[in-house]
Protein backbone atom coordinates (compact mmCIF):
# COMPACT_ATOMS: atom_id res chain seq x y z
CA MET A 1 -17.03 41.70 -16.06
CA LYS A 2 -15.69 42.05 -12.47
CA TYR A 3 -17.55 38.84 -11.94
CA PHE A 4 -16.50 37.06 -14.78
CA TYR A 5 -12.66 37.40 -13.80
CA ILE A 6 -13.51 36.40 -10.40
CA LEU A 7 -15.17 33.69 -11.86
CA LEU A 8 -12.52 32.46 -14.87
CA THR A 9 -9.68 32.56 -11.39
CA LEU A 10 -11.86 30.57 -9.50
CA LEU A 11 -12.11 27.95 -12.37
CA THR A 12 -8.44 28.48 -13.13
CA THR A 13 -7.65 27.72 -9.33
CA SER A 14 -10.26 24.90 -9.11
CA VAL A 15 -8.17 23.12 -12.66
CA ASN A 16 -4.83 23.38 -11.30
CA LYS A 17 -5.68 21.89 -7.91
CA GLN A 18 -7.29 18.89 -9.91
CA ASN A 19 -4.05 18.78 -11.78
CA SER A 20 -1.50 19.08 -8.97
CA LEU A 21 0.22 16.27 -7.52
CA LYS A 22 -0.54 14.78 -4.25
CA PHE A 23 2.24 13.18 -2.60
CA ASP A 24 0.33 10.82 -0.46
CA LYS A 25 1.51 7.41 -1.44
CA ARG A 26 3.96 4.96 -0.79
CA ASN A 27 5.56 3.19 -3.43
CA ILE A 28 4.41 -0.45 -2.00
CA GLN A 29 1.19 1.31 -3.12
CA CYS A 30 1.94 2.25 -6.77
CA GLU A 31 2.09 -1.33 -8.57
CA ASP A 32 1.33 -0.48 -12.13
CA LYS A 33 1.38 3.33 -12.11
CA TRP A 34 2.67 5.89 -13.11
CA ILE A 35 4.50 8.16 -10.24
CA ALA A 36 6.73 11.37 -9.52
CA TYR A 37 9.35 11.87 -6.75
CA GLN A 38 8.68 15.13 -4.90
CA MET A 39 10.31 18.42 -6.68
CA ASP A 40 14.29 18.38 -6.98
CA LYS A 41 16.13 21.64 -6.11
CA ASP A 42 15.94 22.55 -9.38
CA SER A 43 12.13 22.64 -9.59
CA THR A 44 11.71 19.37 -11.36
CA TYR A 45 10.38 16.21 -10.80
CA THR A 46 11.52 12.56 -11.76
CA PHE A 47 8.99 9.99 -13.01
CA GLY A 48 8.61 6.91 -14.24
CA PHE A 49 6.81 3.50 -14.07
CA ILE A 50 6.70 1.41 -11.16
CA TYR A 51 5.59 -2.67 -11.59
CA MET A 52 6.79 -5.87 -10.06
CA ASP A 53 9.64 -7.75 -11.90
CA SER A 54 9.24 -11.77 -11.46
CA GLN A 55 12.95 -11.88 -10.24
CA ALA A 56 13.64 -8.37 -9.24
CA GLY A 57 10.23 -7.94 -7.46
CA LEU A 58 9.37 -4.01 -7.42
CA THR A 59 10.81 -2.23 -9.73
CA PHE A 60 10.83 1.83 -10.47
CA ASN A 61 11.39 2.30 -14.57
CA TYR A 62 12.40 5.68 -14.72
CA GLU A 63 11.02 7.56 -17.63
CA GLY A 64 12.31 11.14 -17.37
CA LYS A 65 11.88 14.67 -15.92
CA PHE A 66 9.56 17.22 -16.22
CA LYS A 67 8.47 20.68 -14.84
CA ILE A 68 4.91 22.07 -14.01
CA ASN A 69 4.07 25.62 -15.92
CA LYS A 70 2.19 27.96 -14.41
CA ASP A 71 -0.36 27.40 -15.87
CA GLY A 72 -0.32 23.66 -14.77
CA THR A 73 0.57 21.58 -17.53
CA TYR A 74 3.08 19.50 -17.18
CA ASN A 75 6.43 20.07 -19.33
CA LYS A 76 8.73 16.88 -20.00
CA LEU A 77 12.60 17.86 -20.10
CA LYS A 78 14.88 16.69 -22.67
CA SER A 79 17.63 14.57 -21.58
CA GLU A 80 21.14 13.62 -22.42
CA PHE A 81 20.42 10.12 -21.52
CA GLU A 82 17.35 10.73 -23.81
CA ASN A 83 18.00 7.44 -25.74
CA GLU A 84 18.30 5.35 -22.29
CA VAL A 85 15.08 6.48 -20.58
CA GLY A 86 12.99 3.58 -20.54
CA PHE A 87 16.11 1.42 -19.71
CA ILE A 88 16.88 2.53 -15.97
CA LYS A 89 15.15 0.38 -13.50
CA SER A 90 16.19 0.50 -10.23
CA ARG A 91 14.86 -1.88 -7.62
CA LEU A 92 12.53 -0.89 -4.69
CA HIS A 93 12.00 -1.73 -1.38
CA PRO A 94 9.10 -0.66 0.64
CA ASN A 95 9.64 2.59 2.50
CA LYS A 96 7.80 5.48 4.09
CA ILE A 97 9.02 8.06 1.13
CA ALA A 98 5.56 9.63 0.06
CA ILE A 99 5.57 9.86 -3.79
CA ALA A 100 2.61 10.85 -6.19
CA GLU A 101 0.61 9.39 -8.74
CA ILE A 102 0.38 11.19 -11.94
CA PRO A 103 -2.86 12.27 -13.08
CA GLU A 104 -4.43 10.37 -15.83
CA ALA A 105 -5.19 13.42 -17.32
CA LYS A 106 -1.54 14.74 -17.56
CA PHE A 107 -0.47 11.39 -19.42
CA LYS A 108 -0.66 13.10 -22.97
CA GLU A 109 1.24 16.16 -21.65
CA LEU A 110 4.26 13.31 -20.97
CA HIS A 111 3.98 11.42 -23.85
CA ILE A 112 2.76 8.49 -21.76
CA GLU A 113 0.53 5.79 -22.29
CA LYS A 114 -1.43 4.26 -19.09
CA THR A 115 -0.08 1.19 -20.14
CA PRO A 116 3.11 1.03 -21.44
CA SER A 117 3.82 -1.30 -24.30
CA TRP A 118 7.02 -3.01 -22.88
CA LEU A 119 4.91 -4.03 -19.44
CA LYS A 120 3.32 -6.82 -21.86
CA ALA A 121 6.47 -8.90 -21.34
CA HIS A 122 6.33 -8.86 -17.54
CA LYS A 123 2.65 -10.06 -17.56
CA THR A 124 3.05 -13.41 -19.59
CA ASP A 125 2.46 -15.78 -16.49
CA GLU A 126 0.86 -13.37 -13.69
CA ASN A 127 -1.94 -15.77 -13.71
CA SER A 128 0.52 -18.90 -13.06
CA VAL A 129 0.25 -20.64 -9.42
CA ASP A 130 4.04 -20.00 -8.90
CA ARG A 131 3.90 -16.17 -9.66
CA LEU A 132 0.81 -15.49 -7.24
CA TYR A 133 2.56 -17.53 -4.86
CA ARG A 134 5.72 -15.39 -5.21
CA TRP A 135 3.66 -11.90 -5.26
CA GLY A 136 1.91 -12.87 -1.87
CA TYR A 137 5.02 -14.09 -0.23
CA MET A 138 6.78 -10.98 -1.04
CA TYR A 139 3.86 -8.25 0.17
CA ASN A 140 4.03 -10.64 2.94
CA SER A 141 7.75 -10.11 3.55
CA TRP A 142 6.74 -6.21 3.37
CA ASN A 143 3.82 -6.89 5.97
CA GLU A 144 1.79 -5.61 3.21
CA CYS A 145 -0.76 -8.88 4.20
CA GLY A 146 -3.79 -7.45 2.81
CA LYS A 147 -2.72 -7.04 -0.33
CA ALA A 148 -0.93 -10.43 0.05
CA LEU A 149 -4.03 -12.54 0.11
CA THR A 150 -5.29 -11.04 -3.07
CA TYR A 151 -2.82 -12.92 -4.70
CA LEU A 152 -3.03 -16.08 -2.66
CA LYS A 153 -6.24 -16.79 -2.66
CA LYS A 154 -5.91 -16.31 -6.03
CA ALA A 155 -3.34 -19.44 -6.44
CA ASP A 156 -5.67 -21.10 -4.04
CA LYS A 157 -8.45 -21.65 -6.16
CA ILE A 158 -6.04 -22.74 -9.16
CA ASN A 159 -3.69 -25.02 -6.78
CA SER A 160 -4.47 -25.24 -3.04
CA LYS A 161 -2.36 -27.91 -2.86
CA PHE A 162 0.87 -25.83 -4.31
CA LYS A 163 3.69 -26.24 -2.22
CA GLY A 164 4.21 -23.56 0.88
CA LEU A 165 0.91 -21.87 -0.06
CA GLN A 166 -1.48 -22.58 3.15
CA THR A 167 1.29 -21.71 5.42
CA GLU A 168 1.59 -18.14 3.11
CA LEU A 169 -2.23 -18.10 3.78
CA ALA A 170 -2.15 -18.61 7.43
CA TYR A 171 0.69 -15.88 7.78
CA SER A 172 -1.35 -13.30 6.01
CA TYR A 173 -4.71 -13.97 7.85
CA LYS A 174 -2.50 -14.20 11.29
CA ALA A 175 -1.42 -10.85 10.59
CA LEU A 176 -5.03 -9.82 9.94
CA GLY A 177 -6.16 -11.22 13.09
CA LYS A 178 -8.15 -13.65 11.03
CA PHE A 179 -6.97 -16.94 13.09
CA ASN A 180 -10.18 -19.07 12.47
CA ASP A 181 -8.79 -18.65 8.56
CA ALA A 182 -5.35 -19.07 9.64
CA GLU A 183 -6.64 -22.62 11.38
CA ILE A 184 -8.21 -23.72 8.41
CA ALA A 185 -5.12 -23.29 5.94
CA LEU A 186 -2.81 -24.76 8.61
CA LEU A 187 -4.88 -27.64 8.99
CA LYS A 188 -4.90 -27.93 4.90
CA ALA A 189 -1.08 -27.53 5.24
CA ILE A 190 -0.97 -30.76 7.70
CA LYS A 191 -2.73 -32.74 5.92
CA GLU A 192 -0.54 -32.53 2.97
CA ASN A 193 2.42 -33.19 4.79
CA PRO A 194 2.05 -34.67 8.17
CA GLU A 195 5.82 -33.39 9.20
CA ASP A 196 5.53 -30.08 8.52
CA CYS A 197 7.36 -28.76 11.69
CA TYR A 198 6.74 -25.06 10.92
CA ALA A 199 2.96 -25.47 10.15
CA TYR A 200 2.50 -27.48 13.29
CA LYS A 201 4.19 -24.64 15.18
CA GLU A 202 2.00 -21.96 13.72
CA LEU A 203 -1.17 -23.79 14.44
CA ALA A 204 -0.43 -24.05 18.08
CA TYR A 205 0.49 -20.40 18.12
CA THR A 206 -2.96 -19.77 16.18
CA TYR A 207 -4.93 -21.47 18.96
CA THR A 208 -2.91 -19.49 21.55
CA LYS A 209 -4.61 -16.25 19.91
CA LEU A 210 -8.33 -18.29 19.72
CA GLU A 211 -7.40 -19.39 23.93
CA ASN A 212 -8.05 -22.47 23.05
CA PHE A 213 -5.50 -23.86 25.13
CA GLU A 214 -6.55 -27.79 24.86
CA LYS A 215 -5.88 -27.49 21.14
CA VAL A 216 -2.43 -25.92 21.71
CA ALA A 217 -1.57 -28.81 23.91
CA GLU A 218 -3.00 -31.49 21.59
CA THR A 219 -0.65 -29.77 18.58
CA TYR A 220 2.23 -29.84 20.95
CA PHE A 221 2.11 -33.48 21.71
CA SER A 222 1.36 -34.29 17.93
CA MET A 223 4.57 -31.94 17.55
CA THR A 224 6.75 -34.43 19.83
CA THR A 225 5.96 -37.69 17.86
CA LYS A 226 6.18 -36.15 14.26
CA CYS A 227 8.64 -32.87 13.83
CA THR A 228 12.28 -32.91 14.07
CA GLU A 229 12.50 -29.09 14.73
CA GLN A 230 13.41 -29.27 19.15
CA ASN A 231 13.19 -25.80 18.65
CA PHE A 232 9.76 -25.59 17.47
CA ILE A 233 8.54 -27.90 20.07
CA GLN A 234 10.13 -26.07 22.68
CA GLU A 235 9.13 -22.59 21.29
CA THR A 236 5.30 -24.36 22.04
CA ALA A 237 5.78 -25.41 25.21
CA HIS A 238 7.31 -22.07 26.51
CA ASN A 239 4.52 -20.21 24.57
CA LEU A 240 1.72 -22.13 26.36
CA ALA A 241 3.76 -21.93 30.08
CA TYR A 242 3.57 -18.16 29.04
CA GLU A 243 -0.11 -18.25 28.69
CA TYR A 244 -0.59 -19.70 31.65
CA PHE A 245 1.79 -17.40 33.57
CA LYS A 246 -0.40 -14.55 31.92
CA ILE A 247 -3.60 -15.59 33.65
CA LYS A 248 -1.68 -16.53 36.70
CA ASP A 249 -2.57 -20.30 36.78
CA THR A 250 0.76 -21.68 38.69
CA THR A 251 -0.28 -25.21 38.39
CA ASN A 252 -0.67 -25.39 34.83
CA PHE A 253 2.32 -22.98 34.25
CA ILE A 254 4.86 -25.25 36.22
CA LYS A 255 3.63 -28.31 33.97
CA TRP A 256 4.22 -26.47 30.87
CA LYS A 257 7.76 -24.74 32.51
CA ALA A 258 8.65 -28.93 33.02
CA GLU A 259 7.57 -29.62 29.24
CA THR A 260 9.66 -26.77 28.00
CA GLU A 261 12.80 -27.97 30.16
CA LYS A 262 12.89 -31.22 28.29
CA TRP A 263 13.61 -29.30 25.18
CA SER A 264 16.10 -27.20 26.50
CA ASN A 265 19.89 -26.66 25.10
CA SER A 266 22.35 -25.09 26.21
CA GLU A 267 21.30 -21.50 25.25
CA LYS A 268 18.28 -21.98 27.80
CA LYS A 269 17.19 -19.15 26.40
CA TYR A 270 13.42 -19.85 27.12
CA THR A 271 14.11 -21.60 30.60
CA LYS A 272 15.86 -18.60 31.38
CA ASN A 273 12.12 -16.80 31.08
CA LEU A 274 9.98 -19.08 32.86
CA ASN A 275 12.17 -19.19 35.53
CA ASN A 276 11.92 -15.11 35.84
CA MET A 277 7.98 -16.06 35.39
CA GLN A 278 8.09 -18.52 38.27
CA ALA A 279 9.51 -16.17 40.58
CA GLU A 280 7.13 -13.28 39.80
CA LEU A 281 4.25 -16.13 40.40
CA GLU A 282 5.78 -16.78 43.83
CA LYS A 283 5.85 -13.59 44.94
């Protein structure tokens, strides 16, 4: 009998561990998930559903509070705002606050469904190029570039010529160190719009990461004839001069310092940096 109780205790402990909340997620990782915030002072947990709103972005739909009983069951609490639950929404911004994904085994205890019925209204155009692009853009802005790619690649398959898509893909690829893929995307962007100064600038930057300085120079000279954004042109020349500074190639450094100075403005931010580099090389 003693062994039976020991076994029962172990099983109960195991079940409770399986059903316990694990605060190991960030809100950006919980799109279309039921989540709980860490326990309040009154031993309650605030919970709700995180989804992506087409206008507001990442959004928390408040559903109420619950307590965890000693036996591990979840007890949803009644609220004076009972009639407002489901209509209280908060726009979220990515942060490092740890939240927990609610185990599916606990949905019944909380009287919730895996997919809320109201979510359908937010999923009507989720496979459109426009929405996929916006999702990707949003995740890139949060530095979740791997997640962004899942949306942007889908958009690319539907319409690779969608405005801004290729440069957004390139942004993701560069952040993930996939510079060859970034080059392909940027060349597509330039082919579609030969006067896209931003695409040229980012292509030149990509070539610096690939250590193909000849291609950087080639891109720079294309910019001087096709771009109106002089700050982009100057930035490109400065970046190439800096690459030559790093490898102590004084001849090419001086050449690209001179190119940078052609586009100097009253601020002279880049030329000041390069003067300091030249002084360092001449020591």
